[in-house]
C-alpha cells in the first residue's frame, strides 16, 4: 500500500511545528499563555505526520477568499 502525504491534499491547510523561540514570540505578541490556545490532539493524523509532540505549538496556514491567508495556532495535547 502506498503512503499518501496528508499535506499534499488540496483541502488540508499547511501545518508546521514552531521552534521554541517562535512559540515564545507568538505567545508574547498575542499576550496569552500556551494553555489558552485552541488544541490539536497528538493523535491527529496531520500532527503525527509533521512529528508534533505534546506541548508543541503548531501554525496552521489556510488560504481564504476574503482574508487572503489566515494563520492560526494550536497547542498539541
PDB file of N, CA and C in Angstrom:
ATOM      1  N   UNK A   1       0.838  -1.175   0.000  1.00  0.00           N
ATOM      2  CA  UNK A   1       0.000   0.000   0.000  1.00  0.00           C
ATOM      3  C   UNK A   1       0.891   1.249   0.000  1.00  0.00           C
ATOM      4  N   UNK A   2       0.539   2.227  -0.790  1.00  0.00           N
ATOM      5  CA  UNK A   2       1.297   3.460  -0.903  1.00  0.00           C
ATOM      6  C   UNK A   2       0.888   4.431   0.196  1.00  0.00           C
ATOM      7  N   UNK A   3       1.890   5.043   0.831  1.00  0.00           N
ATOM      8  CA  UNK A   3       1.600   6.039   1.862  1.00  0.00           C
ATOM      9  C   UNK A   3       1.381   7.395   1.187  1.00  0.00           C
ATOM     10  N   UNK A   4       0.292   8.048   1.542  1.00  0.00           N
ATOM     11  CA  UNK A   4      -0.055   9.337   0.954  1.00  0.00           C
ATOM     12  C   UNK A   4       0.200  10.429   1.987  1.00  0.00           C
ATOM     13  N   UNK A   5       0.828  11.513   1.552  1.00  0.00           N
ATOM     14  CA  UNK A   5       1.071  12.648   2.432  1.00  0.00           C
ATOM     15  C   UNK A   5      -0.213  13.465   2.566  1.00  0.00           C
ATOM     16  N   UNK A   6      -0.664  13.651   3.787  1.00  0.00           N
ATOM     17  CA  UNK A   6      -1.882  14.422   4.023  1.00  0.00           C
ATOM     18  C   UNK A   6      -1.722  15.868   3.581  1.00  0.00           C
ATOM     19  N   UNK A   7      -0.522  16.416   3.733  1.00  0.00           N
ATOM     20  CA  UNK A   7      -0.306  17.818   3.398  1.00  0.00           C
ATOM     21  C   UNK A   7      -0.367  18.080   1.900  1.00  0.00           C
ATOM     22  N   UNK A   8      -0.310  17.031   1.104  1.00  0.00           N
ATOM     23  CA  UNK A   8      -0.408  17.206  -0.343  1.00  0.00           C
ATOM     24  C   UNK A   8      -1.855  17.346  -0.812  1.00  0.00           C
ATOM     25  N   UNK A   9      -2.814  17.054   0.073  1.00  0.00           N
ATOM     26  CA  UNK A   9      -4.226  17.147  -0.309  1.00  0.00           C
ATOM     27  C   UNK A   9      -4.652  18.608  -0.352  1.00  0.00           C
ATOM     28  N   UNK A  10      -5.439  18.962  -1.343  1.00  0.00           N
ATOM     29  CA  UNK A  10      -5.853  20.350  -1.558  1.00  0.00           C
ATOM     30  C   UNK A  10      -6.682  20.925  -0.402  1.00  0.00           C
ATOM     31  N   UNK A  11      -7.408  20.089   0.319  1.00  0.00           N
ATOM     32  CA  UNK A  11      -8.267  20.577   1.401  1.00  0.00           C
ATOM     33  C   UNK A  11      -7.571  20.659   2.757  1.00  0.00           C
ATOM     34  N   UNK A  12      -6.344  20.173   2.854  1.00  0.00           N
ATOM     35  CA  UNK A  12      -5.617  20.197   4.128  1.00  0.00           C
ATOM     36  C   UNK A  12      -4.704  21.420   4.149  1.00  0.00           C
ATOM     37  N   UNK A  13      -4.911  22.339   5.112  1.00  0.00           N
ATOM     38  CA  UNK A  13      -4.049  23.516   5.179  1.00  0.00           C
ATOM     39  C   UNK A  13      -2.637  23.141   5.626  1.00  0.00           C
ATOM     40  N   UNK A  14      -1.700  24.046   5.374  1.00  0.00           N
ATOM     41  CA  UNK A  14      -0.305  23.814   5.756  1.00  0.00           C
ATOM     42  C   UNK A  14      -0.183  23.854   7.280  1.00  0.00           C
ATOM     43  N   UNK A  15       0.469  22.844   7.843  1.00  0.00           N
ATOM     44  CA  UNK A  15       0.735  22.763   9.280  1.00  0.00           C
ATOM     45  C   UNK A  15       2.246  22.712   9.478  1.00  0.00           C
ATOM     46  N   UNK A  16       2.754  23.418  10.486  1.00  0.00           N
ATOM     47  CA  UNK A  16       4.168  23.295  10.825  1.00  0.00           C
ATOM     48  C   UNK A  16       4.366  23.510  12.317  1.00  0.00           C
ATOM     49  N   UNK A  17       5.311  22.765  12.877  1.00  0.00           N
ATOM     50  CA  UNK A  17       5.640  22.887  14.298  1.00  0.00           C
ATOM     51  C   UNK A  17       6.559  24.090  14.464  1.00  0.00           C
ATOM     52  N   UNK A  18       6.235  24.961  15.424  1.00  0.00           N
ATOM     53  CA  UNK A  18       7.070  26.128  15.695  1.00  0.00           C
ATOM     54  C   UNK A  18       8.258  25.743  16.566  1.00  0.00           C
ATOM     55  N   UNK A  19       9.365  26.442  16.364  1.00  0.00           N
ATOM     56  CA  UNK A  19      10.511  26.267  17.259  1.00  0.00           C
ATOM     57  C   UNK A  19      10.151  26.900  18.603  1.00  0.00           C
ATOM     58  N   UNK A  20      10.920  26.595  19.634  1.00  0.00           N
ATOM     59  CA  UNK A  20      10.650  27.162  20.967  1.00  0.00           C
ATOM     60  C   UNK A  20      10.699  28.690  20.919  1.00  0.00           C
ATOM     61  N   UNK A  21      11.660  29.239  20.159  1.00  0.00           N
ATOM     62  CA  UNK A  21      11.809  30.696  20.058  1.00  0.00           C
ATOM     63  C   UNK A  21      10.596  31.319  19.360  1.00  0.00           C
ATOM     64  N   UNK A  22      10.160  30.697  18.259  1.00  0.00           N
ATOM     65  CA  UNK A  22       8.986  31.198  17.540  1.00  0.00           C
ATOM     66  C   UNK A  22       7.746  31.134  18.424  1.00  0.00           C
ATOM     67  N   UNK A  23       7.590  30.036  19.154  1.00  0.00           N
ATOM     68  CA  UNK A  23       6.429  29.855  20.023  1.00  0.00           C
ATOM     69  C   UNK A  23       6.389  30.933  21.102  1.00  0.00           C
ATOM     70  N   UNK A  24       7.527  31.195  21.733  1.00  0.00           N
ATOM     71  CA  UNK A  24       7.590  32.230  22.773  1.00  0.00           C
ATOM     72  C   UNK A  24       7.248  33.598  22.193  1.00  0.00           C
ATOM     73  N   UNK A  25       7.753  33.880  20.994  1.00  0.00           N
ATOM     74  CA  UNK A  25       7.495  35.167  20.343  1.00  0.00           C
ATOM     75  C   UNK A  25       6.002  35.337  20.061  1.00  0.00           C
ATOM     76  N   UNK A  26       5.362  34.303  19.531  1.00  0.00           N
ATOM     77  CA  UNK A  26       3.927  34.362  19.215  1.00  0.00           C
ATOM     78  C   UNK A  26       3.099  34.549  20.482  1.00  0.00           C
ATOM     79  N   UNK A  27       3.425  33.809  21.541  1.00  0.00           N
ATOM     80  CA  UNK A  27       2.682  33.938  22.799  1.00  0.00           C
ATOM     81  C   UNK A  27       2.820  35.344  23.372  1.00  0.00           C
ATOM     82  N   UNK A  28       4.005  35.929  23.223  1.00  0.00           N
ATOM     83  CA  UNK A  28       4.229  37.291  23.720  1.00  0.00           C
ATOM     84  C   UNK A  28       3.427  38.298  22.889  1.00  0.00           C
ATOM     85  N   UNK A  29       3.441  38.134  21.567  1.00  0.00           N
ATOM     86  CA  UNK A  29       2.691  39.035  20.688  1.00  0.00           C
ATOM     87  C   UNK A  29       1.192  38.954  20.985  1.00  0.00           C
ATOM     88  N   UNK A  30       0.689  37.743  21.162  1.00  0.00           N
ATOM     89  CA  UNK A  30      -0.739  37.542  21.423  1.00  0.00           C
ATOM     90  C   UNK A  30      -1.114  37.815  22.881  1.00  0.00           C
ATOM     91  N   UNK A  31      -0.087  37.951  23.736  1.00  0.00           N
ATOM     92  CA  UNK A  31      -0.286  38.220  25.162  1.00  0.00           C
ATOM     93  C   UNK A  31      -1.188  37.165  25.814  1.00  0.00           C
ATOM     94  N   UNK A  32      -0.834  35.894  25.562  1.00  0.00           N
ATOM     95  CA  UNK A  32      -1.592  34.780  26.134  1.00  0.00           C
ATOM     96  C   UNK A  32      -0.637  33.714  26.645  1.00  0.00           C
ATOM     97  N   UNK A  33      -1.190  32.792  27.432  1.00  0.00           N
ATOM     98  CA  UNK A  33      -0.451  31.621  27.882  1.00  0.00           C
ATOM     99  C   UNK A  33      -0.690  30.492  26.882  1.00  0.00           C
ATOM    100  N   UNK A  34       0.238  29.573  26.838  1.00  0.00           N
ATOM    101  CA  UNK A  34       0.156  28.422  25.937  1.00  0.00           C
ATOM    102  C   UNK A  34      -1.187  27.694  26.048  1.00  0.00           C
ATOM    103  N   UNK A  35      -1.661  27.524  27.273  1.00  0.00           N
ATOM    104  CA  UNK A  35      -2.875  26.759  27.538  1.00  0.00           C
ATOM    105  C   UNK A  35      -4.137  27.434  26.999  1.00  0.00           C
ATOM    106  N   UNK A  36      -4.046  28.718  26.640  1.00  0.00           N
ATOM    107  CA  UNK A  36      -5.203  29.443  26.119  1.00  0.00           C
ATOM    108  C   UNK A  36      -5.409  29.217  24.621  1.00  0.00           C
ATOM    109  N   UNK A  37      -4.451  28.588  23.972  1.00  0.00           N
ATOM    110  CA  UNK A  37      -4.570  28.312  22.540  1.00  0.00           C
ATOM    111  C   UNK A  37      -5.579  27.198  22.286  1.00  0.00           C
ATOM    112  N   UNK A  38      -6.205  27.201  21.106  1.00  0.00           N
ATOM    113  CA  UNK A  38      -7.024  26.044  20.720  1.00  0.00           C
ATOM    114  C   UNK A  38      -6.136  24.806  20.684  1.00  0.00           C
ATOM    115  N   UNK A  39      -6.728  23.643  20.814  1.00  0.00           N
ATOM    116  CA  UNK A  39      -5.947  22.400  20.926  1.00  0.00           C
ATOM    117  C   UNK A  39      -6.018  21.558  19.652  1.00  0.00           C
ATOM    118  N   UNK A  40      -4.999  20.724  19.481  1.00  0.00           N
ATOM    119  CA  UNK A  40      -4.984  19.673  18.472  1.00  0.00           C
ATOM    120  C   UNK A  40      -4.402  18.445  19.166  1.00  0.00           C
ATOM    121  N   UNK A  41      -5.020  17.304  18.969  1.00  0.00           N
ATOM    122  CA  UNK A  41      -4.545  16.089  19.640  1.00  0.00           C
ATOM    123  C   UNK A  41      -3.290  15.552  18.965  1.00  0.00           C
ATOM    124  N   UNK A  42      -2.404  14.993  19.776  1.00  0.00           N
ATOM    125  CA  UNK A  42      -1.175  14.397  19.267  1.00  0.00           C
ATOM    126  C   UNK A  42      -1.493  13.208  18.363  1.00  0.00           C
ATOM    127  N   UNK A  43      -2.688  12.641  18.517  1.00  0.00           N
ATOM    128  CA  UNK A  43      -3.103  11.502  17.691  1.00  0.00           C
ATOM    129  C   UNK A  43      -3.728  11.930  16.363  1.00  0.00           C
ATOM    130  N   UNK A  44      -3.907  13.234  16.155  1.00  0.00           N
ATOM    131  CA  UNK A  44      -4.443  13.727  14.887  1.00  0.00           C
ATOM    132  C   UNK A  44      -3.490  13.307  13.766  1.00  0.00           C
ATOM    133  N   UNK A  45      -3.994  12.784  12.664  1.00  0.00           N
ATOM    134  CA  UNK A  45      -3.115  12.309  11.593  1.00  0.00           C
ATOM    135  C   UNK A  45      -2.117  13.351  11.086  1.00  0.00           C
ATOM    136  N   UNK A  46      -2.530  14.603  10.980  1.00  0.00           N
ATOM    137  CA  UNK A  46      -1.598  15.631  10.490  1.00  0.00           C
ATOM    138  C   UNK A  46      -0.530  15.927  11.540  1.00  0.00           C
ATOM    139  N   UNK A  47      -0.894  15.905  12.821  1.00  0.00           N
ATOM    140  CA  UNK A  47       0.085  16.116  13.892  1.00  0.00           C
ATOM    141  C   UNK A  47       1.124  15.006  13.877  1.00  0.00           C
ATOM    142  N   UNK A  48       0.682  13.784  13.643  1.00  0.00           N
ATOM    143  CA  UNK A  48       1.617  12.662  13.563  1.00  0.00           C
ATOM    144  C   UNK A  48       2.533  12.805  12.355  1.00  0.00           C
ATOM    145  N   UNK A  49       1.974  13.239  11.227  1.00  0.00           N
ATOM    146  CA  UNK A  49       2.764  13.370  10.008  1.00  0.00           C
ATOM    147  C   UNK A  49       3.871  14.413  10.143  1.00  0.00           C
ATOM    148  N   UNK A  50       3.590  15.522  10.839  1.00  0.00           N
ATOM    149  CA  UNK A  50       4.608  16.570  10.973  1.00  0.00           C
ATOM    150  C   UNK A  50       5.509  16.359  12.188  1.00  0.00           C
ATOM    151  N   UNK A  51       5.253  15.312  12.954  1.00  0.00           N
ATOM    152  CA  UNK A  51       6.108  14.989  14.094  1.00  0.00           C
ATOM    153  C   UNK A  51       5.868  15.848  15.319  1.00  0.00           C
ATOM    154  N   UNK A  52       4.649  16.362  15.479  1.00  0.00           N
ATOM    155  CA  UNK A  52       4.324  17.202  16.631  1.00  0.00           C
ATOM    156  C   UNK A  52       4.281  16.360  17.902  1.00  0.00           C
ATOM    157  N   UNK A  53       4.775  16.958  18.985  1.00  0.00           N
ATOM    158  CA  UNK A  53       4.783  16.296  20.290  1.00  0.00           C
ATOM    159  C   UNK A  53       3.924  17.103  21.262  1.00  0.00           C
ATOM    160  N   UNK A  54       3.470  16.462  22.329  1.00  0.00           N
ATOM    161  CA  UNK A  54       2.665  17.143  23.346  1.00  0.00           C
ATOM    162  C   UNK A  54       3.437  18.363  23.847  1.00  0.00           C
ATOM    163  N   UNK A  55       2.754  19.510  23.883  1.00  0.00           N
ATOM    164  CA  UNK A  55       3.372  20.752  24.336  1.00  0.00           C
ATOM    165  C   UNK A  55       3.866  21.636  23.202  1.00  0.00           C
ATOM    166  N   UNK A  56       3.978  21.086  21.989  1.00  0.00           N
ATOM    167  CA  UNK A  56       4.393  21.886  20.831  1.00  0.00           C
ATOM    168  C   UNK A  56       3.262  22.819  20.412  1.00  0.00           C
ATOM    169  N   UNK A  57       3.635  23.883  19.711  1.00  0.00           N
ATOM    170  CA  UNK A  57       2.653  24.772  19.103  1.00  0.00           C
ATOM    171  C   UNK A  57       2.765  24.609  17.592  1.00  0.00           C
ATOM    172  N   UNK A  58       1.615  24.446  16.951  1.00  0.00           N
ATOM    173  CA  UNK A  58       1.550  24.232  15.506  1.00  0.00           C
ATOM    174  C   UNK A  58       0.921  25.459  14.850  1.00  0.00           C
ATOM    175  N   UNK A  59       1.559  25.930  13.771  1.00  0.00           N
ATOM    176  CA  UNK A  59       0.991  27.022  12.975  1.00  0.00           C
ATOM    177  C   UNK A  59       0.195  26.392  11.829  1.00  0.00           C
ATOM    178  N   UNK A  60      -1.040  26.868  11.636  1.00  0.00           N
ATOM    179  CA  UNK A  60      -1.903  26.373  10.564  1.00  0.00           C
ATOM    180  C   UNK A  60      -2.182  27.548   9.629  1.00  0.00           C
ATOM    181  N   UNK A  61      -1.757  27.420   8.367  1.00  0.00           N
ATOM    182  CA  UNK A  61      -1.966  28.480   7.373  1.00  0.00           C
ATOM    183  C   UNK A  61      -3.005  28.021   6.362  1.00  0.00           C
ATOM    184  N   UNK A  62      -4.088  28.795   6.271  1.00  0.00           N
ATOM    185  CA  UNK A  62      -5.169  28.483   5.327  1.00  0.00           C
ATOM    186  C   UNK A  62      -5.302  29.613   4.313  1.00  0.00           C
ATOM    187  N   UNK A  63      -5.615  29.245   3.082  1.00  0.00           N
ATOM    188  CA  UNK A  63      -5.961  30.241   2.076  1.00  0.00           C
ATOM    189  C   UNK A  63      -7.424  30.609   2.295  1.00  0.00           C
ATOM    190  N   UNK A  64      -7.708  31.909   2.215  1.00  0.00           N
ATOM    191  CA  UNK A  64      -9.066  32.387   2.440  1.00  0.00           C
ATOM    192  C   UNK A  64      -9.455  33.350   1.322  1.00  0.00           C
ATOM    193  N   UNK A  65     -10.636  33.194   0.748  1.00  0.00           N
ATOM    194  CA  UNK A  65     -11.047  34.105  -0.319  1.00  0.00           C
ATOM    195  C   UNK A  65     -11.249  35.535   0.180  1.00  0.00           C
ATOM    196  N   UNK A  66     -11.554  35.709   1.454  1.00  0.00           N
ATOM    197  CA  UNK A  66     -11.787  37.051   1.985  1.00  0.00           C
ATOM    198  C   UNK A  66     -10.572  37.639   2.685  1.00  0.00           C
ATOM    199  N   UNK A  67      -9.815  36.821   3.383  1.00  0.00           N
ATOM    200  CA  UNK A  67      -8.677  37.320   4.161  1.00  0.00           C
ATOM    201  C   UNK A  67      -7.343  37.110   3.457  1.00  0.00           C
ATOM    202  N   UNK A  68      -7.338  36.391   2.343  1.00  0.00           N
ATOM    203  CA  UNK A  68      -6.077  36.090   1.668  1.00  0.00           C
ATOM    204  C   UNK A  68      -5.430  34.874   2.290  1.00  0.00           C
ATOM    205  N   UNK A  69      -4.775  35.090   3.429  1.00  0.00           N
ATOM    206  CA  UNK A  69      -4.166  33.981   4.163  1.00  0.00           C
ATOM    207  C   UNK A  69      -4.537  34.121   5.628  1.00  0.00           C
ATOM    208  N   UNK A  70      -5.016  33.043   6.211  1.00  0.00           N
ATOM    209  CA  UNK A  70      -5.405  33.019   7.614  1.00  0.00           C
ATOM    210  C   UNK A  70      -4.415  32.142   8.375  1.00  0.00           C
ATOM    211  N   UNK A  71      -3.885  32.666   9.477  1.00  0.00           N
ATOM    212  CA  UNK A  71      -2.935  31.908  10.291  1.00  0.00           C
ATOM    213  C   UNK A  71      -3.545  31.672  11.669  1.00  0.00           C
ATOM    214  N   UNK A  72      -3.496  30.418  12.106  1.00  0.00           N
ATOM    215  CA  UNK A  72      -3.997  30.043  13.431  1.00  0.00           C
ATOM    216  C   UNK A  72      -2.918  29.223  14.128  1.00  0.00           C
ATOM    217  N   UNK A  73      -2.993  29.165  15.438  1.00  0.00           N
ATOM    218  CA  UNK A  73      -2.028  28.402  16.227  1.00  0.00           C
ATOM    219  C   UNK A  73      -2.779  27.403  17.083  1.00  0.00           C
ATOM    220  N   UNK A  74      -2.201  26.218  17.250  1.00  0.00           N
ATOM    221  CA  UNK A  74      -2.805  25.154  18.043  1.00  0.00           C
ATOM    222  C   UNK A  74      -1.767  24.574  18.997  1.00  0.00           C
ATOM    223  N   UNK A  75      -2.202  24.245  20.202  1.00  0.00           N
ATOM    224  CA  UNK A  75      -1.360  23.573  21.183  1.00  0.00           C
ATOM    225  C   UNK A  75      -1.591  22.079  21.064  1.00  0.00           C
ATOM    226  N   UNK A  76      -0.523  21.315  20.965  1.00  0.00           N
ATOM    227  CA  UNK A  76      -0.634  19.865  20.856  1.00  0.00           C
ATOM    228  C   UNK A  76      -0.833  19.276  22.250  1.00  0.00           C
ATOM    229  N   UNK A  77      -1.918  18.516  22.403  1.00  0.00           N
ATOM    230  CA  UNK A  77      -2.221  17.869  23.692  1.00  0.00           C
ATOM    231  C   UNK A  77      -2.339  16.373  23.511  1.00  0.00           C
TER     232      UNK A  77
END
